[in-house]
């Protein structure tokens, strides 16, 4: 084993000497000639230069630099989406229904809260005890529905309904909404809210009426 290492040692030294010993540097004339040959090779590999007016020429910055990019124009899809948004945007009107054991009052208001129309059992022709009946509430519902239909003819609208009280007129208006009288108003309703106050503790109740 020792003899094999002794025999390989000169070969390793010779190989190491061959790799690490730099070759003789070229002269200045030879270096310039090699550089010229390399430049000629690059020129031959490049595509031919185009004329200034040629459309295939790459864009030039010019004296004032590159022009600013044109702002993107909205596509037809964006225009259609914007048009649909403006058309489908509907104002939110309100329909308030107050019903107790003596009367039924319906009020139709615009989005700002201003009253557009209102009807009560008394304005519909019912007197005294007749104002608290089911028929009185039904007639209030039919008349207020006509006012809502008139308002929706100018522009599509949406309606938020608010109920207050547990009188017979409450059920009458709800059932009228499900019949043919409320067929056109029904798709406009987007929400129904019950605002009836409920006493939990609170003050002393009113004395019961005795007949």
C-alpha atoms as a PDB file:
ATOM      1  CA  UNK A   1       0.000   0.000   0.000  1.00  0.00           C
ATOM      2  CA  UNK A   2       2.836   2.358   0.809  1.00  0.00           C
ATOM      3  CA  UNK A   3       4.450   1.579  -2.540  1.00  0.00           C
ATOM      4  CA  UNK A   4       1.255   2.415  -4.425  1.00  0.00           C
ATOM      5  CA  UNK A   5       1.019   5.812  -2.730  1.00  0.00           C
ATOM      6  CA  UNK A   6       4.694   6.490  -3.520  1.00  0.00           C
ATOM      7  CA  UNK A   7       4.090   5.670  -7.212  1.00  0.00           C
ATOM      8  CA  UNK A   8       1.015   7.959  -7.454  1.00  0.00           C
ATOM      9  CA  UNK A   9       2.566  10.969  -5.723  1.00  0.00           C
ATOM     10  CA  UNK A  10       4.570  12.237  -8.735  1.00  0.00           C
ATOM     11  CA  UNK A  11       1.517  11.938 -10.990  1.00  0.00           C
ATOM     12  CA  UNK A  12      -0.607  14.035  -8.625  1.00  0.00           C
ATOM     13  CA  UNK A  13       2.104  16.671  -8.391  1.00  0.00           C
ATOM     14  CA  UNK A  14       2.428  16.875 -12.171  1.00  0.00           C
ATOM     15  CA  UNK A  15      -1.351  17.211 -12.637  1.00  0.00           C
ATOM     16  CA  UNK A  16      -1.527  19.876  -9.970  1.00  0.00           C
ATOM     17  CA  UNK A  17       1.285  21.762 -11.627  1.00  0.00           C
ATOM     18  CA  UNK A  18      -0.411  21.619 -15.027  1.00  0.00           C
ATOM     19  CA  UNK A  19      -3.738  23.010 -13.683  1.00  0.00           C
ATOM     20  CA  UNK A  20      -2.339  25.767 -11.496  1.00  0.00           C
ATOM     21  CA  UNK A  21       0.366  27.021 -13.828  1.00  0.00           C
ATOM     22  CA  UNK A  22      -1.141  29.845 -15.945  1.00  0.00           C
ATOM     23  CA  UNK A  23      -0.640  29.809 -19.687  1.00  0.00           C
ATOM     24  CA  UNK A  24       1.417  32.471 -21.397  1.00  0.00           C
ATOM     25  CA  UNK A  25      -0.680  35.684 -21.743  1.00  0.00           C
ATOM     26  CA  UNK A  26      -1.299  36.947 -25.311  1.00  0.00           C
ATOM     27  CA  UNK A  27       0.452  40.030 -26.591  1.00  0.00           C
ATOM     28  CA  UNK A  28      -1.300  43.363 -27.159  1.00  0.00           C
ATOM     29  CA  UNK A  29      -1.590  42.774 -30.902  1.00  0.00           C
ATOM     30  CA  UNK A  30      -3.081  39.323 -30.401  1.00  0.00           C
ATOM     31  CA  UNK A  31      -5.582  40.652 -27.819  1.00  0.00           C
ATOM     32  CA  UNK A  32      -6.797  43.410 -30.180  1.00  0.00           C
ATOM     33  CA  UNK A  33      -7.168  40.885 -33.004  1.00  0.00           C
ATOM     34  CA  UNK A  34      -9.177  38.541 -30.786  1.00  0.00           C
ATOM     35  CA  UNK A  35     -11.441  41.440 -29.667  1.00  0.00           C
ATOM     36  CA  UNK A  36     -12.078  42.525 -33.270  1.00  0.00           C
ATOM     37  CA  UNK A  37     -12.954  38.968 -34.219  1.00  0.00           C
ATOM     38  CA  UNK A  38     -15.397  38.749 -31.294  1.00  0.00           C
ATOM     39  CA  UNK A  39     -17.077  42.043 -32.290  1.00  0.00           C
ATOM     40  CA  UNK A  40     -17.429  40.860 -35.879  1.00  0.00           C
ATOM     41  CA  UNK A  41     -19.094  37.676 -34.637  1.00  0.00           C
ATOM     42  CA  UNK A  42     -21.601  39.680 -32.622  1.00  0.00           C
ATOM     43  CA  UNK A  43     -22.389  41.959 -35.571  1.00  0.00           C
ATOM     44  CA  UNK A  44     -23.035  38.956 -37.779  1.00  0.00           C
ATOM     45  CA  UNK A  45     -25.442  37.522 -35.193  1.00  0.00           C
ATOM     46  CA  UNK A  46     -27.490  40.755 -34.843  1.00  0.00           C
ATOM     47  CA  UNK A  47     -30.515  41.350 -37.160  1.00  0.00           C
ATOM     48  CA  UNK A  48     -30.163  43.967 -39.876  1.00  0.00           C
ATOM     49  CA  UNK A  49     -30.828  47.559 -38.791  1.00  0.00           C
ATOM     50  CA  UNK A  50     -34.195  48.927 -39.895  1.00  0.00           C
ATOM     51  CA  UNK A  51     -34.908  52.332 -41.366  1.00  0.00           C
ATOM     52  CA  UNK A  52     -36.226  55.141 -39.062  1.00  0.00           C
ATOM     53  CA  UNK A  53     -39.682  55.110 -40.676  1.00  0.00           C
ATOM     54  CA  UNK A  54     -40.067  51.374 -40.575  1.00  0.00           C
ATOM     55  CA  UNK A  55     -43.001  50.223 -38.443  1.00  0.00           C
ATOM     56  CA  UNK A  56     -41.026  47.194 -37.286  1.00  0.00           C
ATOM     57  CA  UNK A  57     -38.441  49.417 -35.627  1.00  0.00           C
ATOM     58  CA  UNK A  58     -38.483  49.473 -31.818  1.00  0.00           C
ATOM     59  CA  UNK A  59     -40.033  52.593 -30.225  1.00  0.00           C
ATOM     60  CA  UNK A  60     -37.655  55.415 -29.510  1.00  0.00           C
ATOM     61  CA  UNK A  61     -37.889  57.765 -26.552  1.00  0.00           C
ATOM     62  CA  UNK A  62     -37.081  60.880 -28.569  1.00  0.00           C
ATOM     63  CA  UNK A  63     -36.099  64.239 -27.114  1.00  0.00           C
ATOM     64  CA  UNK A  64     -39.097  64.585 -24.744  1.00  0.00           C
ATOM     65  CA  UNK A  65     -39.042  60.984 -23.580  1.00  0.00           C
ATOM     66  CA  UNK A  66     -41.697  58.359 -24.014  1.00  0.00           C
ATOM     67  CA  UNK A  67     -45.290  59.665 -24.349  1.00  0.00           C
ATOM     68  CA  UNK A  68     -47.628  59.079 -21.369  1.00  0.00           C
ATOM     69  CA  UNK A  69     -49.737  55.938 -21.625  1.00  0.00           C
ATOM     70  CA  UNK A  70     -53.323  56.391 -22.748  1.00  0.00           C
ATOM     71  CA  UNK A  71     -55.859  55.862 -19.921  1.00  0.00           C
ATOM     72  CA  UNK A  72     -57.788  52.601 -20.324  1.00  0.00           C
ATOM     73  CA  UNK A  73     -61.241  53.090 -21.758  1.00  0.00           C
ATOM     74  CA  UNK A  74     -64.127  51.288 -20.031  1.00  0.00           C
ATOM     75  CA  UNK A  75     -65.166  48.168 -21.834  1.00  0.00           C
ATOM     76  CA  UNK A  76     -68.681  47.473 -22.986  1.00  0.00           C
ATOM     77  CA  UNK A  77     -69.171  45.094 -20.051  1.00  0.00           C
ATOM     78  CA  UNK A  78     -68.288  47.801 -17.538  1.00  0.00           C
ATOM     79  CA  UNK A  79     -70.631  50.252 -19.250  1.00  0.00           C
ATOM     80  CA  UNK A  80     -73.423  47.693 -19.186  1.00  0.00           C
ATOM     81  CA  UNK A  81     -72.798  46.939 -15.506  1.00  0.00           C
ATOM     82  CA  UNK A  82     -72.864  50.648 -14.660  1.00  0.00           C
ATOM     83  CA  UNK A  83     -76.057  51.127 -16.653  1.00  0.00           C
ATOM     84  CA  UNK A  84     -77.713  48.178 -14.898  1.00  0.00           C
ATOM     85  CA  UNK A  85     -76.653  49.528 -11.507  1.00  0.00           C
ATOM     86  CA  UNK A  86     -78.164  52.933 -12.203  1.00  0.00           C
ATOM     87  CA  UNK A  87     -81.360  51.395 -13.503  1.00  0.00           C
ATOM     88  CA  UNK A  88     -81.807  48.824 -10.739  1.00  0.00           C
ATOM     89  CA  UNK A  89     -81.061  51.223  -7.886  1.00  0.00           C
ATOM     90  CA  UNK A  90     -84.450  51.818  -6.282  1.00  0.00           C
ATOM     91  CA  UNK A  91     -85.455  54.244  -3.534  1.00  0.00           C
ATOM     92  CA  UNK A  92     -86.690  52.713  -0.281  1.00  0.00           C
ATOM     93  CA  UNK A  93     -90.170  53.919   0.625  1.00  0.00           C
ATOM     94  CA  UNK A  94     -91.968  53.039   3.857  1.00  0.00           C
ATOM     95  CA  UNK A  95     -95.461  51.841   4.707  1.00  0.00           C
ATOM     96  CA  UNK A  96     -96.469  52.344   8.343  1.00  0.00           C
ATOM     97  CA  UNK A  97     -99.513  50.473   9.653  1.00  0.00           C
ATOM     98  CA  UNK A  98    -100.884  51.488  13.055  1.00  0.00           C
ATOM     99  CA  UNK A  99    -103.739  49.348  14.245  1.00  0.00           C
ATOM    100  CA  UNK A 100    -105.391  49.285  17.650  1.00  0.00           C
ATOM    101  CA  UNK A 101    -108.801  48.280  18.957  1.00  0.00           C
ATOM    102  CA  UNK A 102    -110.356  51.608  17.920  1.00  0.00           C
ATOM    103  CA  UNK A 103    -108.883  52.530  14.528  1.00  0.00           C
ATOM    104  CA  UNK A 104    -106.506  51.614  11.691  1.00  0.00           C
ATOM    105  CA  UNK A 105    -104.127  54.199  10.176  1.00  0.00           C
ATOM    106  CA  UNK A 106    -101.874  53.521   7.166  1.00  0.00           C
ATOM    107  CA  UNK A 107     -99.170  56.005   6.117  1.00  0.00           C
ATOM    108  CA  UNK A 108     -97.044  55.819   2.960  1.00  0.00           C
ATOM    109  CA  UNK A 109     -93.807  57.866   3.187  1.00  0.00           C
ATOM    110  CA  UNK A 110     -90.917  58.637   0.860  1.00  0.00           C
ATOM    111  CA  UNK A 111     -87.265  57.745   1.702  1.00  0.00           C
ATOM    112  CA  UNK A 112     -86.838  61.108   3.483  1.00  0.00           C
ATOM    113  CA  UNK A 113     -89.749  60.395   5.830  1.00  0.00           C
ATOM    114  CA  UNK A 114     -92.256  62.794   4.255  1.00  0.00           C
ATOM    115  CA  UNK A 115     -95.817  61.523   3.997  1.00  0.00           C
ATOM    116  CA  UNK A 116     -96.972  60.754   0.463  1.00  0.00           C
ATOM    117  CA  UNK A 117    -100.460  59.498   1.364  1.00  0.00           C
ATOM    118  CA  UNK A 118    -102.352  58.252   4.401  1.00  0.00           C
ATOM    119  CA  UNK A 119    -105.706  56.628   5.087  1.00  0.00           C
ATOM    120  CA  UNK A 120    -107.596  55.802   8.224  1.00  0.00           C
ATOM    121  CA  UNK A 121    -110.799  53.932   8.881  1.00  0.00           C
ATOM    122  CA  UNK A 122    -112.556  57.263   9.447  1.00  0.00           C
ATOM    123  CA  UNK A 123    -111.360  58.730   6.121  1.00  0.00           C
ATOM    124  CA  UNK A 124    -112.646  55.606   4.372  1.00  0.00           C
ATOM    125  CA  UNK A 125    -116.193  56.315   5.587  1.00  0.00           C
ATOM    126  CA  UNK A 126    -116.436  54.187   8.735  1.00  0.00           C
ATOM    127  CA  UNK A 127    -117.897  55.793  11.840  1.00  0.00           C
ATOM    128  CA  UNK A 128    -117.765  55.106  15.554  1.00  0.00           C
ATOM    129  CA  UNK A 129    -117.341  51.429  16.421  1.00  0.00           C
ATOM    130  CA  UNK A 130    -117.145  50.445  12.732  1.00  0.00           C
ATOM    131  CA  UNK A 131    -113.658  51.929  12.509  1.00  0.00           C
ATOM    132  CA  UNK A 132    -112.145  49.018  14.434  1.00  0.00           C
ATOM    133  CA  UNK A 133    -113.586  46.284  12.208  1.00  0.00           C
ATOM    134  CA  UNK A 134    -111.762  44.018   9.802  1.00  0.00           C
ATOM    135  CA  UNK A 135    -113.494  45.588   6.784  1.00  0.00           C
ATOM    136  CA  UNK A 136    -112.247  49.060   7.730  1.00  0.00           C
ATOM    137  CA  UNK A 137    -108.650  47.844   7.793  1.00  0.00           C
ATOM    138  CA  UNK A 138    -109.144  46.073   4.467  1.00  0.00           C
ATOM    139  CA  UNK A 139    -110.438  49.253   2.790  1.00  0.00           C
ATOM    140  CA  UNK A 140    -107.458  51.226   4.146  1.00  0.00           C
ATOM    141  CA  UNK A 141    -105.117  48.643   2.651  1.00  0.00           C
ATOM    142  CA  UNK A 142    -106.773  48.717  -0.785  1.00  0.00           C
ATOM    143  CA  UNK A 143    -106.613  52.509  -1.004  1.00  0.00           C
ATOM    144  CA  UNK A 144    -103.037  52.795   0.178  1.00  0.00           C
ATOM    145  CA  UNK A 145    -102.018  50.108  -2.336  1.00  0.00           C
ATOM    146  CA  UNK A 146    -103.366  52.274  -5.161  1.00  0.00           C
ATOM    147  CA  UNK A 147    -101.196  55.171  -4.008  1.00  0.00           C
ATOM    148  CA  UNK A 148     -98.168  52.889  -3.953  1.00  0.00           C
ATOM    149  CA  UNK A 149     -98.892  51.717  -7.497  1.00  0.00           C
ATOM    150  CA  UNK A 150     -99.120  55.320  -8.670  1.00  0.00           C
ATOM    151  CA  UNK A 151     -95.735  56.115  -7.117  1.00  0.00           C
ATOM    152  CA  UNK A 152     -94.125  53.047  -8.727  1.00  0.00           C
ATOM    153  CA  UNK A 153     -95.273  54.042 -12.228  1.00  0.00           C
ATOM    154  CA  UNK A 154     -92.717  56.881 -12.367  1.00  0.00           C
ATOM    155  CA  UNK A 155     -89.797  54.806 -11.097  1.00  0.00           C
ATOM    156  CA  UNK A 156     -89.340  51.312  -9.595  1.00  0.00           C
ATOM    157  CA  UNK A 157     -89.347  51.490  -5.814  1.00  0.00           C
ATOM    158  CA  UNK A 158     -88.862  49.251  -2.786  1.00  0.00           C
ATOM    159  CA  UNK A 159     -91.007  49.243   0.352  1.00  0.00           C
ATOM    160  CA  UNK A 160     -90.206  48.606   4.006  1.00  0.00           C
ATOM    161  CA  UNK A 161     -93.322  47.761   6.020  1.00  0.00           C
ATOM    162  CA  UNK A 162     -93.685  48.613   9.706  1.00  0.00           C
ATOM    163  CA  UNK A 163     -96.529  47.273  11.861  1.00  0.00           C
ATOM    164  CA  UNK A 164     -97.550  48.680  15.212  1.00  0.00           C
ATOM    165  CA  UNK A 165    -100.413  47.389  17.338  1.00  0.00           C
ATOM    166  CA  UNK A 166    -102.478  44.195  17.414  1.00  0.00           C
ATOM    167  CA  UNK A 167    -105.832  45.445  16.080  1.00  0.00           C
ATOM    168  CA  UNK A 168    -107.939  43.776  13.397  1.00  0.00           C
ATOM    169  CA  UNK A 169    -106.605  46.190  10.763  1.00  0.00           C
ATOM    170  CA  UNK A 170    -103.157  44.626  11.052  1.00  0.00           C
ATOM    171  CA  UNK A 171    -104.372  41.222   9.911  1.00  0.00           C
ATOM    172  CA  UNK A 172    -106.649  42.815   7.293  1.00  0.00           C
ATOM    173  CA  UNK A 173    -103.758  44.642   5.595  1.00  0.00           C
ATOM    174  CA  UNK A 174    -101.547  41.551   5.662  1.00  0.00           C
ATOM    175  CA  UNK A 175    -104.228  39.424   4.043  1.00  0.00           C
ATOM    176  CA  UNK A 176    -105.004  42.125   1.475  1.00  0.00           C
ATOM    177  CA  UNK A 177    -101.324  42.072   0.512  1.00  0.00           C
ATOM    178  CA  UNK A 178    -101.623  38.365  -0.329  1.00  0.00           C
ATOM    179  CA  UNK A 179    -104.757  38.793  -2.488  1.00  0.00           C
ATOM    180  CA  UNK A 180    -105.194  40.226  -5.974  1.00  0.00           C
ATOM    181  CA  UNK A 181    -105.393  43.778  -4.588  1.00  0.00           C
ATOM    182  CA  UNK A 182    -101.788  43.520  -3.427  1.00  0.00           C
ATOM    183  CA  UNK A 183    -100.470  41.596  -6.419  1.00  0.00           C
ATOM    184  CA  UNK A 184     -98.484  44.560  -7.789  1.00  0.00           C
ATOM    185  CA  UNK A 185     -97.345  45.822  -4.392  1.00  0.00           C
ATOM    186  CA  UNK A 186     -96.169  42.447  -3.082  1.00  0.00           C
ATOM    187  CA  UNK A 187     -92.927  42.243  -5.179  1.00  0.00           C
ATOM    188  CA  UNK A 188     -91.887  45.703  -3.940  1.00  0.00           C
ATOM    189  CA  UNK A 189     -91.858  44.684  -0.262  1.00  0.00           C
ATOM    190  CA  UNK A 190     -88.302  43.924   0.888  1.00  0.00           C
ATOM    191  CA  UNK A 191     -88.732  43.871   4.672  1.00  0.00           C
ATOM    192  CA  UNK A 192     -91.475  43.660   7.330  1.00  0.00           C
ATOM    193  CA  UNK A 193     -90.786  44.977  10.835  1.00  0.00           C
ATOM    194  CA  UNK A 194     -92.965  44.800  13.943  1.00  0.00           C
ATOM    195  CA  UNK A 195     -92.612  47.904  16.092  1.00  0.00           C
ATOM    196  CA  UNK A 196     -95.308  47.106  18.617  1.00  0.00           C
ATOM    197  CA  UNK A 197     -94.128  48.210  22.083  1.00  0.00           C
ATOM    198  CA  UNK A 198     -94.290  45.490  24.709  1.00  0.00           C
ATOM    199  CA  UNK A 199     -94.573  46.408  28.380  1.00  0.00           C
ATOM    200  CA  UNK A 200     -92.071  44.629  30.583  1.00  0.00           C
ATOM    201  CA  UNK A 201     -92.697  45.942  34.058  1.00  0.00           C
ATOM    202  CA  UNK A 202     -93.133  49.683  33.384  1.00  0.00           C
ATOM    203  CA  UNK A 203     -95.784  51.981  34.777  1.00  0.00           C
ATOM    204  CA  UNK A 204     -99.227  51.116  36.007  1.00  0.00           C
ATOM    205  CA  UNK A 205    -101.638  50.151  33.213  1.00  0.00           C
ATOM    206  CA  UNK A 206    -104.672  52.202  32.363  1.00  0.00           C
ATOM    207  CA  UNK A 207    -107.898  51.464  34.224  1.00  0.00           C
ATOM    208  CA  UNK A 208    -110.000  48.917  32.361  1.00  0.00           C
ATOM    209  CA  UNK A 209    -113.016  50.337  30.594  1.00  0.00           C
ATOM    210  CA  UNK A 210    -116.374  49.189  31.967  1.00  0.00           C
ATOM    211  CA  UNK A 211    -119.554  49.258  29.887  1.00  0.00           C
END
